[in-house]
Amino acid sequence: MDIGTRELRNRLSEILDRVARGERMRIIRRGNPAAELCPVNTPARGLPDLADFRASIKVRGKPTSQLVIEERRKSRY
C-alpha cells in the first residue's frame, strides 16, 4: 500500500500496527517512493532455533565427559 508522508504522520500508530501484522507500506514523498515499511522477521518467542548450527559442528576426539572421567581417575592415583 502506498501512503504519503502527511498521512503517515497523522496515522503512524495505526500504520505501524498494520505493518506489524504483516502488511508492507511504501512511503511516497513528493510523488516518488522514498521508503518501505515492512515487518521485522523475528521468532515468535524466545531464542532462535540453533538446530542447523549444532548439526554443522564436527566433534573430534573423545567426548568431553570421557576426558573428565579419565582425568579424575588419573588424579586419584
C-alpha atoms as a PDB file:
ATOM      1  CA  MET A   1       0.000   0.000   0.000  1.00  0.00           C
ATOM      2  CA  ASP A   2       1.271   3.474  -0.830  1.00  0.00           C
ATOM      3  CA  ILE A   3       0.962   6.236   1.748  1.00  0.00           C
ATOM      4  CA  GLY A   4       2.021   9.876   1.727  1.00  0.00           C
ATOM      5  CA  THR A   5       4.228  11.401   4.398  1.00  0.00           C
ATOM      6  CA  ARG A   6       1.451  13.627   5.779  1.00  0.00           C
ATOM      7  CA  GLU A   7      -0.943  10.700   6.135  1.00  0.00           C
ATOM      8  CA  LEU A   8       1.838   8.639   7.687  1.00  0.00           C
ATOM      9  CA  ARG A   9       2.457  11.307  10.344  1.00  0.00           C
ATOM     10  CA  ASN A  10      -1.253  11.556  11.128  1.00  0.00           C
ATOM     11  CA  ARG A  11      -1.858   7.797  11.352  1.00  0.00           C
ATOM     12  CA  LEU A  12       1.539   6.475  12.487  1.00  0.00           C
ATOM     13  CA  SER A  13       0.279   4.165  15.263  1.00  0.00           C
ATOM     14  CA  GLU A  14      -2.345   2.605  13.011  1.00  0.00           C
ATOM     15  CA  ILE A  15       0.167   2.146  10.168  1.00  0.00           C
ATOM     16  CA  LEU A  16       2.721   0.526  12.482  1.00  0.00           C
ATOM     17  CA  ASP A  17       0.061  -1.864  13.775  1.00  0.00           C
ATOM     18  CA  ARG A  18      -0.800  -2.876  10.213  1.00  0.00           C
ATOM     19  CA  VAL A  19       2.871  -3.373   9.338  1.00  0.00           C
ATOM     20  CA  ALA A  20       3.390  -5.472  12.475  1.00  0.00           C
ATOM     21  CA  ARG A  21       0.556  -7.730  11.279  1.00  0.00           C
ATOM     22  CA  GLY A  22       2.426  -8.348   8.022  1.00  0.00           C
ATOM     23  CA  GLU A  23       1.375  -5.598   5.636  1.00  0.00           C
ATOM     24  CA  ARG A  24       4.000  -3.648   3.672  1.00  0.00           C
ATOM     25  CA  MET A  25       3.711   0.116   3.271  1.00  0.00           C
ATOM     26  CA  ARG A  26       5.529   2.227   0.698  1.00  0.00           C
ATOM     27  CA  ILE A  27       6.125   5.835   1.721  1.00  0.00           C
ATOM     28  CA  ILE A  28       5.594   8.343  -1.093  1.00  0.00           C
ATOM     29  CA  ARG A  29       7.384  11.684  -0.838  1.00  0.00           C
ATOM     30  CA  ARG A  30       6.689  14.393  -3.418  1.00  0.00           C
ATOM     31  CA  GLY A  31       5.231  11.784  -5.749  1.00  0.00           C
ATOM     32  CA  ASN A  32       8.230   9.422  -5.585  1.00  0.00           C
ATOM     33  CA  PRO A  33       8.749   6.300  -3.474  1.00  0.00           C
ATOM     34  CA  ALA A  34      11.053   7.220  -0.577  1.00  0.00           C
ATOM     35  CA  ALA A  35      10.969   4.226   1.754  1.00  0.00           C
ATOM     36  CA  GLU A  36       9.212   0.999   2.532  1.00  0.00           C
ATOM     37  CA  LEU A  37       7.965  -0.238   5.890  1.00  0.00           C
ATOM     38  CA  CYS A  38       7.916  -3.978   6.311  1.00  0.00           C
ATOM     39  CA  PRO A  39       7.503  -6.267   9.315  1.00  0.00           C
ATOM     40  CA  VAL A  40      10.578  -7.392  11.189  1.00  0.00           C
ATOM     41  CA  ASN A  41      11.033 -11.152  10.921  1.00  0.00           C
ATOM     42  CA  THR A  42      11.670 -12.222  14.480  1.00  0.00           C
ATOM     43  CA  PRO A  43      10.961 -15.517  16.173  1.00  0.00           C
ATOM     44  CA  ALA A  44       7.587 -15.589  17.864  1.00  0.00           C
ATOM     45  CA  ARG A  45       9.136 -16.298  21.249  1.00  0.00           C
ATOM     46  CA  GLY A  46      12.442 -16.999  22.908  1.00  0.00           C
ATOM     47  CA  LEU A  47      15.769 -17.652  21.281  1.00  0.00           C
ATOM     48  CA  PRO A  48      16.357 -18.543  17.632  1.00  0.00           C
ATOM     49  CA  ASP A  49      16.439 -22.173  16.556  1.00  0.00           C
ATOM     50  CA  LEU A  50      20.052 -23.372  16.608  1.00  0.00           C
ATOM     51  CA  ALA A  51      19.456 -26.898  15.289  1.00  0.00           C
ATOM     52  CA  ASP A  52      21.160 -26.228  11.933  1.00  0.00           C
ATOM     53  CA  PHE A  53      24.124 -24.594  13.649  1.00  0.00           C
ATOM     54  CA  ARG A  54      24.544 -27.506  16.069  1.00  0.00           C
ATOM     55  CA  ALA A  55      24.302 -30.021  13.215  1.00  0.00           C
ATOM     56  CA  SER A  56      27.133 -28.221  11.401  1.00  0.00           C
ATOM     57  CA  ILE A  57      29.587 -28.651  14.294  1.00  0.00           C
ATOM     58  CA  LYS A  58      32.025 -31.530  13.829  1.00  0.00           C
ATOM     59  CA  VAL A  59      33.275 -33.050  17.075  1.00  0.00           C
ATOM     60  CA  ARG A  60      36.774 -34.543  17.027  1.00  0.00           C
ATOM     61  CA  GLY A  61      38.355 -36.830  19.558  1.00  0.00           C
ATOM     62  CA  LYS A  62      36.771 -38.192  22.685  1.00  0.00           C
ATOM     63  CA  PRO A  63      33.662 -36.703  24.248  1.00  0.00           C
ATOM     64  CA  THR A  64      34.369 -34.172  26.994  1.00  0.00           C
ATOM     65  CA  SER A  65      32.624 -36.334  29.586  1.00  0.00           C
ATOM     66  CA  GLN A  66      35.002 -39.201  28.809  1.00  0.00           C
ATOM     67  CA  LEU A  67      38.042 -36.914  29.139  1.00  0.00           C
ATOM     68  CA  VAL A  68      36.806 -35.654  32.528  1.00  0.00           C
ATOM     69  CA  ILE A  69      36.350 -39.208  33.807  1.00  0.00           C
ATOM     70  CA  GLU A  70      39.842 -40.173  32.649  1.00  0.00           C
ATOM     71  CA  GLU A  71      41.442 -37.115  34.284  1.00  0.00           C
ATOM     72  CA  ARG A  72      39.657 -37.797  37.564  1.00  0.00           C
ATOM     73  CA  ARG A  73      40.923 -41.373  37.557  1.00  0.00           C
ATOM     74  CA  LYS A  74      44.478 -40.197  36.870  1.00  0.00           C
ATOM     75  CA  SER A  75      44.392 -37.674  39.695  1.00  0.00           C
ATOM     76  CA  ARG A  76      43.295 -40.326  42.213  1.00  0.00           C
ATOM     77  CA  TYR A  77      46.404 -42.456  41.718  1.00  0.00           C
END
